[in-house]
Amino acid sequence: MLEDKVLVIRRITVHYRLAVPEDRREEVERVHGFHARFCPVARSLQGGIDVRTELELV
């Protein structure tokens, strides 16, 4: 989105594509559900930029 001819970032989508053994998938999905609360970058952007994450297990 442009504001006064300056690109302003409103949303960031982080796509994780991880090779995970079958026996660890449940754990990875669980951690993905709360990891952003402990991420310094996500916490710093909170309130100003919408940070979304997607998880793809391969």
PDB file of N, CA and C in Angstrom:
ATOM      1  N   MET A   1       0.840  -1.164   0.000  1.00  0.00           N
ATOM      2  CA  MET A   1       0.000   0.000   0.000  1.00  0.00           C
ATOM      3  C   MET A   1       0.895   1.241   0.000  1.00  0.00           C
ATOM      4  N   LEU A   2       0.534   2.211  -0.801  1.00  0.00           N
ATOM      5  CA  LEU A   2       1.291   3.458  -0.859  1.00  0.00           C
ATOM      6  C   LEU A   2       0.616   4.530  -0.023  1.00  0.00           C
ATOM      7  N   GLU A   3       1.411   5.221   0.745  1.00  0.00           N
ATOM      8  CA  GLU A   3       0.971   6.401   1.481  1.00  0.00           C
ATOM      9  C   GLU A   3       1.957   7.505   1.168  1.00  0.00           C
ATOM     10  N   ASP A   4       1.463   8.579   0.618  1.00  0.00           N
ATOM     11  CA  ASP A   4       2.325   9.698   0.202  1.00  0.00           C
ATOM     12  C   ASP A   4       3.485   9.209  -0.654  1.00  0.00           C
ATOM     13  N   LYS A   5       3.180   8.283  -1.580  1.00  0.00           N
ATOM     14  CA  LYS A   5       4.144   7.707  -2.521  1.00  0.00           C
ATOM     15  C   LYS A   5       5.227   6.862  -1.853  1.00  0.00           C
ATOM     16  N   VAL A   6       4.961   6.388  -0.634  1.00  0.00           N
ATOM     17  CA  VAL A   6       5.896   5.527   0.090  1.00  0.00           C
ATOM     18  C   VAL A   6       5.208   4.184   0.340  1.00  0.00           C
ATOM     19  N   LEU A   7       5.921   3.105   0.026  1.00  0.00           N
ATOM     20  CA  LEU A   7       5.378   1.781   0.283  1.00  0.00           C
ATOM     21  C   LEU A   7       5.321   1.533   1.783  1.00  0.00           C
ATOM     22  N   VAL A   8       4.140   1.207   2.289  1.00  0.00           N
ATOM     23  CA  VAL A   8       3.942   0.938   3.708  1.00  0.00           C
ATOM     24  C   VAL A   8       3.525  -0.526   3.860  1.00  0.00           C
ATOM     25  N   ILE A   9       4.248  -1.252   4.671  1.00  0.00           N
ATOM     26  CA  ILE A   9       3.966  -2.671   4.888  1.00  0.00           C
ATOM     27  C   ILE A   9       2.903  -2.807   5.969  1.00  0.00           C
ATOM     28  N   ARG A  10       1.824  -3.466   5.625  1.00  0.00           N
ATOM     29  CA  ARG A  10       0.708  -3.666   6.555  1.00  0.00           C
ATOM     30  C   ARG A  10       0.656  -5.101   7.075  1.00  0.00           C
ATOM     31  N   ARG A  11       1.183  -6.049   6.254  1.00  0.00           N
ATOM     32  CA  ARG A  11       1.078  -7.461   6.616  1.00  0.00           C
ATOM     33  C   ARG A  11       2.287  -8.205   6.068  1.00  0.00           C
ATOM     34  N   ILE A  12       2.780  -9.153   6.856  1.00  0.00           N
ATOM     35  CA  ILE A  12       3.858 -10.045   6.440  1.00  0.00           C
ATOM     36  C   ILE A  12       3.365 -11.467   6.655  1.00  0.00           C
ATOM     37  N   THR A  13       3.531 -12.298   5.649  1.00  0.00           N
ATOM     38  CA  THR A  13       3.206 -13.712   5.785  1.00  0.00           C
ATOM     39  C   THR A  13       4.500 -14.506   5.697  1.00  0.00           C
ATOM     40  N   VAL A  14       4.780 -15.268   6.737  1.00  0.00           N
ATOM     41  CA  VAL A  14       5.961 -16.118   6.785  1.00  0.00           C
ATOM     42  C   VAL A  14       5.504 -17.534   6.482  1.00  0.00           C
ATOM     43  N   HIS A  15       6.097 -18.137   5.468  1.00  0.00           N
ATOM     44  CA  HIS A  15       5.725 -19.496   5.075  1.00  0.00           C
ATOM     45  C   HIS A  15       6.854 -20.440   5.462  1.00  0.00           C
ATOM     46  N   TYR A  16       6.561 -21.320   6.406  1.00  0.00           N
ATOM     47  CA  TYR A  16       7.522 -22.336   6.822  1.00  0.00           C
ATOM     48  C   TYR A  16       7.255 -23.598   6.008  1.00  0.00           C
ATOM     49  N   ARG A  17       8.289 -24.096   5.353  1.00  0.00           N
ATOM     50  CA  ARG A  17       8.204 -25.369   4.627  1.00  0.00           C
ATOM     51  C   ARG A  17       9.253 -26.274   5.247  1.00  0.00           C
ATOM     52  N   LEU A  18       8.799 -27.229   6.036  1.00  0.00           N
ATOM     53  CA  LEU A  18       9.706 -28.034   6.841  1.00  0.00           C
ATOM     54  C   LEU A  18       9.587 -29.517   6.515  1.00  0.00           C
ATOM     55  N   ALA A  19      10.749 -30.153   6.401  1.00  0.00           N
ATOM     56  CA  ALA A  19      10.790 -31.610   6.276  1.00  0.00           C
ATOM     57  C   ALA A  19      10.822 -32.168   7.691  1.00  0.00           C
ATOM     58  N   VAL A  20       9.738 -32.811   8.082  1.00  0.00           N
ATOM     59  CA  VAL A  20       9.586 -33.279   9.459  1.00  0.00           C
ATOM     60  C   VAL A  20       9.211 -34.758   9.430  1.00  0.00           C
ATOM     61  N   PRO A  21       9.891 -35.579  10.242  1.00  0.00           N
ATOM     62  CA  PRO A  21       9.491 -36.989  10.326  1.00  0.00           C
ATOM     63  C   PRO A  21       8.052 -37.120  10.824  1.00  0.00           C
ATOM     64  N   GLU A  22       7.396 -38.137  10.372  1.00  0.00           N
ATOM     65  CA  GLU A  22       5.987 -38.353  10.718  1.00  0.00           C
ATOM     66  C   GLU A  22       5.746 -38.331  12.226  1.00  0.00           C
ATOM     67  N   ASP A  23       6.663 -38.894  12.999  1.00  0.00           N
ATOM     68  CA  ASP A  23       6.464 -38.976  14.450  1.00  0.00           C
ATOM     69  C   ASP A  23       6.679 -37.652  15.179  1.00  0.00           C
ATOM     70  N   ARG A  24       7.100 -36.604  14.464  1.00  0.00           N
ATOM     71  CA  ARG A  24       7.315 -35.284  15.087  1.00  0.00           C
ATOM     72  C   ARG A  24       6.330 -34.231  14.595  1.00  0.00           C
ATOM     73  N   ARG A  25       5.477 -34.588  13.674  1.00  0.00           N
ATOM     74  CA  ARG A  25       4.576 -33.600  13.061  1.00  0.00           C
ATOM     75  C   ARG A  25       3.623 -32.954  14.060  1.00  0.00           C
ATOM     76  N   GLU A  26       3.059 -33.738  14.933  1.00  0.00           N
ATOM     77  CA  GLU A  26       2.132 -33.184  15.920  1.00  0.00           C
ATOM     78  C   GLU A  26       2.840 -32.152  16.793  1.00  0.00           C
ATOM     79  N   GLU A  27       4.059 -32.446  17.195  1.00  0.00           N
ATOM     80  CA  GLU A  27       4.845 -31.513  18.009  1.00  0.00           C
ATOM     81  C   GLU A  27       5.122 -30.212  17.251  1.00  0.00           C
ATOM     82  N   VAL A  28       5.501 -30.325  15.985  1.00  0.00           N
ATOM     83  CA  VAL A  28       5.799 -29.144  15.167  1.00  0.00           C
ATOM     84  C   VAL A  28       4.546 -28.300  14.992  1.00  0.00           C
ATOM     85  N   GLU A  29       3.417 -28.922  14.740  1.00  0.00           N
ATOM     86  CA  GLU A  29       2.168 -28.175  14.581  1.00  0.00           C
ATOM     87  C   GLU A  29       1.785 -27.466  15.883  1.00  0.00           C
ATOM     88  N   ARG A  30       2.002 -28.119  17.007  1.00  0.00           N
ATOM     89  CA  ARG A  30       1.696 -27.512  18.305  1.00  0.00           C
ATOM     90  C   ARG A  30       2.578 -26.285  18.543  1.00  0.00           C
ATOM     91  N   VAL A  31       3.857 -26.419  18.293  1.00  0.00           N
ATOM     92  CA  VAL A  31       4.790 -25.309  18.514  1.00  0.00           C
ATOM     93  C   VAL A  31       4.497 -24.155  17.551  1.00  0.00           C
ATOM     94  N   HIS A  32       4.130 -24.489  16.324  1.00  0.00           N
ATOM     95  CA  HIS A  32       3.789 -23.440  15.357  1.00  0.00           C
ATOM     96  C   HIS A  32       2.637 -22.582  15.870  1.00  0.00           C
ATOM     97  N   GLY A  33       1.761 -23.167  16.651  1.00  0.00           N
ATOM     98  CA  GLY A  33       0.607 -22.444  17.175  1.00  0.00           C
ATOM     99  C   GLY A  33       0.948 -21.332  18.155  1.00  0.00           C
ATOM    100  N   PHE A  34       2.112 -21.383  18.787  1.00  0.00           N
ATOM    101  CA  PHE A  34       2.440 -20.349  19.780  1.00  0.00           C
ATOM    102  C   PHE A  34       3.824 -19.722  19.615  1.00  0.00           C
ATOM    103  N   HIS A  35       4.603 -20.157  18.662  1.00  0.00           N
ATOM    104  CA  HIS A  35       5.991 -19.686  18.583  1.00  0.00           C
ATOM    105  C   HIS A  35       6.133 -18.179  18.379  1.00  0.00           C
ATOM    106  N   ALA A  36       5.188 -17.532  17.715  1.00  0.00           N
ATOM    107  CA  ALA A  36       5.316 -16.095  17.436  1.00  0.00           C
ATOM    108  C   ALA A  36       5.346 -15.267  18.721  1.00  0.00           C
ATOM    109  N   ARG A  37       4.734 -15.758  19.778  1.00  0.00           N
ATOM    110  CA  ARG A  37       4.760 -15.020  21.057  1.00  0.00           C
ATOM    111  C   ARG A  37       6.175 -14.909  21.611  1.00  0.00           C
ATOM    112  N   PHE A  38       7.050 -15.788  21.187  1.00  0.00           N
ATOM    113  CA  PHE A  38       8.422 -15.804  21.699  1.00  0.00           C
ATOM    114  C   PHE A  38       9.442 -15.359  20.651  1.00  0.00           C
ATOM    115  N   CYS A  39       8.966 -14.864  19.522  1.00  0.00           N
ATOM    116  CA  CYS A  39       9.842 -14.394  18.437  1.00  0.00           C
ATOM    117  C   CYS A  39      10.070 -12.890  18.591  1.00  0.00           C
ATOM    118  N   PRO A  40      11.323 -12.449  18.744  1.00  0.00           N
ATOM    119  CA  PRO A  40      11.600 -11.021  18.919  1.00  0.00           C
ATOM    120  C   PRO A  40      11.108 -10.160  17.755  1.00  0.00           C
ATOM    121  N   VAL A  41      11.223 -10.659  16.543  1.00  0.00           N
ATOM    122  CA  VAL A  41      10.778  -9.869  15.389  1.00  0.00           C
ATOM    123  C   VAL A  41       9.259  -9.722  15.395  1.00  0.00           C
ATOM    124  N   ALA A  42       8.557 -10.825  15.579  1.00  0.00           N
ATOM    125  CA  ALA A  42       7.092 -10.768  15.603  1.00  0.00           C
ATOM    126  C   ALA A  42       6.600  -9.870  16.736  1.00  0.00           C
ATOM    127  N   ARG A  43       7.228  -9.971  17.886  1.00  0.00           N
ATOM    128  CA  ARG A  43       6.818  -9.146  19.031  1.00  0.00           C
ATOM    129  C   ARG A  43       7.095  -7.669  18.772  1.00  0.00           C
ATOM    130  N   SER A  44       8.194  -7.361  18.098  1.00  0.00           N
ATOM    131  CA  SER A  44       8.532  -5.965  17.804  1.00  0.00           C
ATOM    132  C   SER A  44       7.550  -5.349  16.814  1.00  0.00           C
ATOM    133  N   LEU A  45       7.060  -6.149  15.892  1.00  0.00           N
ATOM    134  CA  LEU A  45       6.144  -5.650  14.869  1.00  0.00           C
ATOM    135  C   LEU A  45       4.691  -5.637  15.336  1.00  0.00           C
ATOM    136  N   GLN A  46       4.418  -6.336  16.415  1.00  0.00           N
ATOM    137  CA  GLN A  46       3.053  -6.479  16.925  1.00  0.00           C
ATOM    138  C   GLN A  46       2.389  -5.117  17.119  1.00  0.00           C
ATOM    139  N   GLY A  47       1.190  -4.996  16.620  1.00  0.00           N
ATOM    140  CA  GLY A  47       0.442  -3.752  16.757  1.00  0.00           C
ATOM    141  C   GLY A  47       0.615  -2.819  15.570  1.00  0.00           C
ATOM    142  N   GLY A  48       1.732  -2.959  14.856  1.00  0.00           N
ATOM    143  CA  GLY A  48       1.975  -2.096  13.702  1.00  0.00           C
ATOM    144  C   GLY A  48       1.844  -2.828  12.381  1.00  0.00           C
ATOM    145  N   ILE A  49       2.267  -4.074  12.374  1.00  0.00           N
ATOM    146  CA  ILE A  49       2.225  -4.905  11.167  1.00  0.00           C
ATOM    147  C   ILE A  49       1.637  -6.252  11.546  1.00  0.00           C
ATOM    148  N   ASP A  50       0.696  -6.706  10.747  1.00  0.00           N
ATOM    149  CA  ASP A  50       0.070  -8.003  10.958  1.00  0.00           C
ATOM    150  C   ASP A  50       1.018  -9.092  10.461  1.00  0.00           C
ATOM    151  N   VAL A  51       1.517  -9.938  11.365  1.00  0.00           N
ATOM    152  CA  VAL A  51       2.419 -11.026  10.999  1.00  0.00           C
ATOM    153  C   VAL A  51       1.631 -12.327  11.046  1.00  0.00           C
ATOM    154  N   ARG A  52       1.598 -13.014   9.913  1.00  0.00           N
ATOM    155  CA  ARG A  52       0.903 -14.293   9.806  1.00  0.00           C
ATOM    156  C   ARG A  52       1.913 -15.367   9.435  1.00  0.00           C
ATOM    157  N   THR A  53       1.657 -16.569   9.897  1.00  0.00           N
ATOM    158  CA  THR A  53       2.536 -17.679   9.542  1.00  0.00           C
ATOM    159  C   THR A  53       1.731 -18.809   8.926  1.00  0.00           C
ATOM    160  N   GLU A  54       2.353 -19.503   8.013  1.00  0.00           N
ATOM    161  CA  GLU A  54       1.772 -20.679   7.389  1.00  0.00           C
ATOM    162  C   GLU A  54       2.773 -21.807   7.574  1.00  0.00           C
ATOM    163  N   LEU A  55       2.279 -22.997   7.778  1.00  0.00           N
ATOM    164  CA  LEU A  55       3.139 -24.152   8.000  1.00  0.00           C
ATOM    165  C   LEU A  55       2.827 -25.212   6.953  1.00  0.00           C
ATOM    166  N   GLU A  56       3.867 -25.629   6.236  1.00  0.00           N
ATOM    167  CA  GLU A  56       3.754 -26.709   5.265  1.00  0.00           C
ATOM    168  C   GLU A  56       4.751 -27.784   5.667  1.00  0.00           C
ATOM    169  N   LEU A  57       4.236 -28.947   5.975  1.00  0.00           N
ATOM    170  CA  LEU A  57       5.095 -30.074   6.347  1.00  0.00           C
ATOM    171  C   LEU A  57       5.267 -30.971   5.138  1.00  0.00           C
ATOM    172  N   VAL A  58       6.514 -31.291   4.840  1.00  0.00           N
ATOM    173  CA  VAL A  58       6.801 -32.144   3.674  1.00  0.00           C
ATOM    174  C   VAL A  58       7.504 -33.400   4.112  1.00  0.00           C
TER     175      VAL A  58
END
